[in-house]
Amino acid sequence: MGSKYTKRYSEEYKRDAIELVRSSGRTVTEVARELGISPESLRGWVKKARAAQDIGPGPVAGRAGQSADDRDEELKRLRKLTAEQAKTIEILKKATAESTG
């Protein structure tokens, strides 16, 4: 069993946080600070995700059979989703601060 201070995050939350790091161009530390989580935790999640994808060196690696246009569209969609999620996170943080303060 973990400590009573150990937070557990859902897989969906972890995926969203990892995607925010990848698509935002910000550092892991900056994103972790924004989300209110440990930079070490987020760094570990990102590292595991990279290992799971088994990506080769450089940004050229992509999904097999996926064209550059498809990747660009997917990146555009994910950036939009990330921006929406960042707004949602800010709203939830403000709501939490107001309800506890």
N, C-alpha and C. Protein backbone atom coordinates (compact mmCIF):
# COMPACT_ATOMS: atom_id res chain seq x y z
N MET A 1 0.83 -1.18 0.00
CA MET A 1 0.00 0.00 0.00
C MET A 1 0.88 1.24 0.00
N GLY A 2 0.36 2.31 -0.57
CA GLY A 2 1.12 3.54 -0.62
C GLY A 2 0.84 4.41 0.59
N SER A 3 1.60 5.44 0.69
CA SER A 3 1.42 6.42 1.75
C SER A 3 0.09 7.12 1.58
N LYS A 4 -0.46 7.65 2.66
CA LYS A 4 -1.72 8.37 2.53
C LYS A 4 -1.53 9.66 1.75
N TYR A 5 -0.28 10.07 1.53
CA TYR A 5 0.01 11.29 0.79
C TYR A 5 0.25 11.03 -0.69
N THR A 6 0.30 9.78 -1.09
CA THR A 6 0.54 9.43 -2.48
C THR A 6 -0.73 9.67 -3.29
N LYS A 7 -0.60 10.47 -4.35
CA LYS A 7 -1.75 10.73 -5.21
C LYS A 7 -1.74 9.71 -6.35
N ARG A 8 -2.89 9.27 -6.71
CA ARG A 8 -3.04 8.36 -7.85
C ARG A 8 -3.73 9.12 -8.97
N TYR A 9 -3.18 9.03 -10.15
CA TYR A 9 -3.74 9.71 -11.31
C TYR A 9 -4.25 8.68 -12.30
N SER A 10 -5.36 9.00 -12.94
CA SER A 10 -5.93 8.08 -13.92
C SER A 10 -5.02 8.03 -15.16
N GLU A 11 -5.15 6.96 -15.91
CA GLU A 11 -4.37 6.83 -17.14
C GLU A 11 -4.72 7.94 -18.11
N GLU A 12 -5.99 8.33 -18.14
CA GLU A 12 -6.43 9.40 -19.04
C GLU A 12 -5.74 10.72 -18.66
N TYR A 13 -5.67 11.01 -17.37
CA TYR A 13 -5.01 12.22 -16.90
C TYR A 13 -3.53 12.21 -17.29
N LYS A 14 -2.89 11.06 -17.11
CA LYS A 14 -1.48 10.94 -17.47
C LYS A 14 -1.28 11.16 -18.97
N ARG A 15 -2.14 10.55 -19.79
CA ARG A 15 -2.03 10.72 -21.25
C ARG A 15 -2.19 12.19 -21.63
N ASP A 16 -3.16 12.86 -21.01
CA ASP A 16 -3.40 14.27 -21.31
C ASP A 16 -2.20 15.12 -20.90
N ALA A 17 -1.63 14.83 -19.75
CA ALA A 17 -0.46 15.58 -19.27
C ALA A 17 0.73 15.37 -20.20
N ILE A 18 0.94 14.13 -20.62
CA ILE A 18 2.04 13.81 -21.54
C ILE A 18 1.84 14.55 -22.86
N GLU A 19 0.63 14.54 -23.37
CA GLU A 19 0.34 15.21 -24.64
C GLU A 19 0.54 16.72 -24.50
N LEU A 20 0.22 17.27 -23.35
CA LEU A 20 0.43 18.69 -23.12
C LEU A 20 1.91 19.03 -23.18
N VAL A 21 2.75 18.18 -22.62
CA VAL A 21 4.20 18.39 -22.69
C VAL A 21 4.65 18.33 -24.14
N ARG A 22 4.20 17.33 -24.86
CA ARG A 22 4.65 17.13 -26.24
C ARG A 22 4.21 18.25 -27.17
N SER A 23 2.97 18.71 -27.02
CA SER A 23 2.42 19.66 -28.00
C SER A 23 2.62 21.11 -27.63
N SER A 24 2.92 21.40 -26.38
CA SER A 24 2.98 22.80 -25.95
C SER A 24 4.33 23.46 -26.22
N GLY A 25 5.38 22.67 -26.33
CA GLY A 25 6.71 23.25 -26.50
C GLY A 25 7.31 23.75 -25.19
N ARG A 26 6.62 23.49 -24.09
CA ARG A 26 7.12 23.91 -22.78
C ARG A 26 7.85 22.75 -22.12
N THR A 27 8.60 23.08 -21.09
CA THR A 27 9.35 22.05 -20.38
C THR A 27 8.42 21.23 -19.49
N VAL A 28 8.91 20.06 -19.12
CA VAL A 28 8.15 19.19 -18.20
C VAL A 28 7.89 19.94 -16.90
N THR A 29 8.87 20.65 -16.41
CA THR A 29 8.73 21.39 -15.15
C THR A 29 7.64 22.45 -15.25
N GLU A 30 7.60 23.18 -16.35
CA GLU A 30 6.58 24.22 -16.54
C GLU A 30 5.18 23.61 -16.57
N VAL A 31 5.03 22.53 -17.31
CA VAL A 31 3.72 21.89 -17.42
C VAL A 31 3.31 21.31 -16.06
N ALA A 32 4.25 20.67 -15.38
CA ALA A 32 3.95 20.09 -14.07
C ALA A 32 3.51 21.17 -13.10
N ARG A 33 4.19 22.29 -13.10
CA ARG A 33 3.84 23.40 -12.22
C ARG A 33 2.42 23.88 -12.53
N GLU A 34 2.11 24.00 -13.81
CA GLU A 34 0.77 24.45 -14.22
C GLU A 34 -0.31 23.48 -13.75
N LEU A 35 -0.02 22.19 -13.84
CA LEU A 35 -1.00 21.18 -13.46
C LEU A 35 -1.02 20.90 -11.96
N GLY A 36 -0.01 21.39 -11.26
CA GLY A 36 0.05 21.16 -9.82
C GLY A 36 0.49 19.75 -9.45
N ILE A 37 1.35 19.18 -10.30
CA ILE A 37 1.86 17.84 -10.02
C ILE A 37 3.38 17.88 -9.93
N SER A 38 3.95 16.82 -9.46
CA SER A 38 5.40 16.72 -9.30
C SER A 38 6.08 16.62 -10.67
N PRO A 39 7.09 17.45 -10.91
CA PRO A 39 7.83 17.34 -12.17
C PRO A 39 8.45 15.96 -12.36
N GLU A 40 8.87 15.35 -11.25
CA GLU A 40 9.47 14.02 -11.35
C GLU A 40 8.45 12.99 -11.82
N SER A 41 7.23 13.11 -11.34
CA SER A 41 6.17 12.18 -11.78
C SER A 41 5.91 12.35 -13.27
N LEU A 42 5.71 13.61 -13.69
CA LEU A 42 5.42 13.87 -15.10
C LEU A 42 6.58 13.43 -15.98
N ARG A 43 7.79 13.69 -15.56
CA ARG A 43 8.97 13.28 -16.33
C ARG A 43 8.99 11.76 -16.50
N GLY A 44 8.64 11.04 -15.44
CA GLY A 44 8.59 9.58 -15.51
C GLY A 44 7.51 9.09 -16.47
N TRP A 45 6.35 9.76 -16.44
CA TRP A 45 5.26 9.38 -17.36
C TRP A 45 5.69 9.58 -18.80
N VAL A 46 6.33 10.73 -19.07
CA VAL A 46 6.78 11.04 -20.44
C VAL A 46 7.81 10.01 -20.89
N LYS A 47 8.73 9.68 -20.00
CA LYS A 47 9.78 8.71 -20.33
C LYS A 47 9.17 7.34 -20.64
N LYS A 48 8.20 6.91 -19.83
CA LYS A 48 7.54 5.62 -20.07
C LYS A 48 6.80 5.63 -21.40
N ALA A 49 6.13 6.74 -21.70
CA ALA A 49 5.38 6.83 -22.95
C ALA A 49 6.31 6.75 -24.16
N ARG A 50 7.44 7.41 -24.06
CA ARG A 50 8.41 7.35 -25.16
C ARG A 50 8.94 5.94 -25.35
N ALA A 51 9.23 5.27 -24.25
CA ALA A 51 9.72 3.90 -24.33
C ALA A 51 8.66 2.98 -24.91
N ALA A 52 7.41 3.20 -24.53
CA ALA A 52 6.31 2.35 -25.02
C ALA A 52 6.11 2.53 -26.52
N GLN A 53 6.33 3.74 -27.01
CA GLN A 53 6.16 3.99 -28.43
C GLN A 53 7.33 3.46 -29.25
N ASP A 54 8.45 3.24 -28.57
CA ASP A 54 9.64 2.73 -29.24
C ASP A 54 9.97 3.58 -30.47
N ILE A 55 10.01 4.89 -30.26
CA ILE A 55 10.30 5.83 -31.33
C ILE A 55 11.79 5.85 -31.61
N GLY A 56 12.13 5.84 -32.89
CA GLY A 56 13.52 5.95 -33.30
C GLY A 56 14.01 7.38 -33.12
N PRO A 57 15.26 7.64 -33.39
CA PRO A 57 15.81 8.98 -33.21
C PRO A 57 15.21 9.99 -34.17
N GLY A 58 15.05 11.22 -33.70
CA GLY A 58 14.62 12.32 -34.55
C GLY A 58 13.13 12.39 -34.73
N PRO A 59 12.66 13.54 -35.21
CA PRO A 59 11.24 13.77 -35.35
C PRO A 59 10.63 13.14 -36.60
N VAL A 60 11.44 12.49 -37.42
CA VAL A 60 10.95 11.91 -38.66
C VAL A 60 10.07 10.69 -38.40
N ALA A 61 10.34 10.00 -37.30
CA ALA A 61 9.60 8.78 -37.00
C ALA A 61 8.13 9.10 -36.79
N GLY A 62 7.27 8.31 -37.40
CA GLY A 62 5.83 8.48 -37.26
C GLY A 62 5.16 7.14 -37.35
N ARG A 63 3.88 7.15 -37.37
CA ARG A 63 3.15 5.89 -37.49
C ARG A 63 3.34 5.32 -38.88
N ALA A 64 3.45 4.02 -38.95
CA ALA A 64 3.64 3.36 -40.24
C ALA A 64 2.45 3.65 -41.15
N GLY A 65 2.73 4.05 -42.37
CA GLY A 65 1.69 4.28 -43.35
C GLY A 65 0.98 5.61 -43.20
N GLN A 66 1.43 6.46 -42.32
CA GLN A 66 0.78 7.74 -42.10
C GLN A 66 1.52 8.81 -42.89
N SER A 67 0.80 9.55 -43.74
CA SER A 67 1.44 10.57 -44.56
C SER A 67 1.74 11.81 -43.72
N ALA A 68 2.59 12.67 -44.25
CA ALA A 68 2.95 13.91 -43.56
C ALA A 68 1.71 14.78 -43.35
N ASP A 69 0.81 14.80 -44.34
CA ASP A 69 -0.41 15.59 -44.20
C ASP A 69 -1.29 15.05 -43.07
N ASP A 70 -1.37 13.73 -42.97
CA ASP A 70 -2.15 13.13 -41.89
C ASP A 70 -1.55 13.47 -40.54
N ARG A 71 -0.23 13.43 -40.45
CA ARG A 71 0.44 13.77 -39.19
C ARG A 71 0.22 15.24 -38.84
N ASP A 72 0.28 16.10 -39.85
CA ASP A 72 0.05 17.53 -39.61
C ASP A 72 -1.37 17.77 -39.11
N GLU A 73 -2.33 17.09 -39.70
CA GLU A 73 -3.72 17.23 -39.27
C GLU A 73 -3.91 16.72 -37.84
N GLU A 74 -3.29 15.59 -37.55
CA GLU A 74 -3.37 15.02 -36.21
C GLU A 74 -2.73 15.96 -35.20
N LEU A 75 -1.59 16.52 -35.54
CA LEU A 75 -0.91 17.47 -34.65
C LEU A 75 -1.77 18.70 -34.42
N LYS A 76 -2.39 19.19 -35.46
CA LYS A 76 -3.28 20.36 -35.35
C LYS A 76 -4.45 20.04 -34.42
N ARG A 77 -5.04 18.87 -34.59
CA ARG A 77 -6.17 18.45 -33.76
C ARG A 77 -5.75 18.32 -32.30
N LEU A 78 -4.59 17.72 -32.08
CA LEU A 78 -4.11 17.53 -30.72
C LEU A 78 -3.74 18.84 -30.05
N ARG A 79 -3.20 19.77 -30.80
CA ARG A 79 -2.87 21.09 -30.22
C ARG A 79 -4.15 21.82 -29.81
N LYS A 80 -5.18 21.73 -30.64
CA LYS A 80 -6.45 22.36 -30.31
C LYS A 80 -7.04 21.72 -29.05
N LEU A 81 -7.00 20.40 -28.99
CA LEU A 81 -7.49 19.68 -27.82
C LEU A 81 -6.70 20.06 -26.57
N THR A 82 -5.40 20.18 -26.71
CA THR A 82 -4.55 20.55 -25.58
C THR A 82 -4.90 21.95 -25.08
N ALA A 83 -5.13 22.88 -25.99
CA ALA A 83 -5.50 24.24 -25.60
C ALA A 83 -6.83 24.23 -24.85
N GLU A 84 -7.78 23.46 -25.34
CA GLU A 84 -9.08 23.35 -24.67
C GLU A 84 -8.93 22.75 -23.28
N GLN A 85 -8.10 21.73 -23.17
CA GLN A 85 -7.89 21.09 -21.87
C GLN A 85 -7.18 22.03 -20.90
N ALA A 86 -6.26 22.83 -21.41
CA ALA A 86 -5.56 23.80 -20.55
C ALA A 86 -6.56 24.81 -19.99
N LYS A 87 -7.50 25.25 -20.82
CA LYS A 87 -8.53 26.17 -20.35
C LYS A 87 -9.39 25.50 -19.28
N THR A 88 -9.76 24.26 -19.52
CA THR A 88 -10.56 23.52 -18.55
C THR A 88 -9.82 23.37 -17.23
N ILE A 89 -8.56 23.07 -17.31
CA ILE A 89 -7.75 22.92 -16.10
C ILE A 89 -7.73 24.22 -15.31
N GLU A 90 -7.55 25.34 -15.99
CA GLU A 90 -7.52 26.64 -15.31
C GLU A 90 -8.86 26.93 -14.64
N ILE A 91 -9.94 26.63 -15.32
CA ILE A 91 -11.27 26.84 -14.74
C ILE A 91 -11.45 25.99 -13.50
N LEU A 92 -11.03 24.73 -13.58
CA LEU A 92 -11.17 23.84 -12.43
C LEU A 92 -10.29 24.27 -11.27
N LYS A 93 -9.09 24.76 -11.57
CA LYS A 93 -8.21 25.25 -10.51
C LYS A 93 -8.85 26.44 -9.79
N LYS A 94 -9.41 27.37 -10.57
CA LYS A 94 -10.06 28.54 -9.97
C LYS A 94 -11.26 28.13 -9.13
N ALA A 95 -12.04 27.18 -9.64
CA ALA A 95 -13.21 26.72 -8.90
C ALA A 95 -12.80 26.04 -7.60
N THR A 96 -11.74 25.27 -7.66
CA THR A 96 -11.24 24.59 -6.46
C THR A 96 -10.72 25.61 -5.45
N ALA A 97 -10.00 26.61 -5.92
CA ALA A 97 -9.46 27.64 -5.03
C ALA A 97 -10.59 28.43 -4.36
N GLU A 98 -11.64 28.70 -5.11
CA GLU A 98 -12.77 29.46 -4.56
C GLU A 98 -13.54 28.63 -3.53
N SER A 99 -13.67 27.35 -3.79
CA SER A 99 -14.45 26.51 -2.88
C SER A 99 -13.69 26.18 -1.60
N THR A 100 -12.37 26.22 -1.65
CA THR A 100 -11.58 25.91 -0.45
C THR A 100 -11.14 27.17 0.28
N GLY A 101 -11.25 28.31 -0.38
CA GLY A 101 -10.75 29.54 0.21
C GLY A 101 -11.77 30.36 0.82
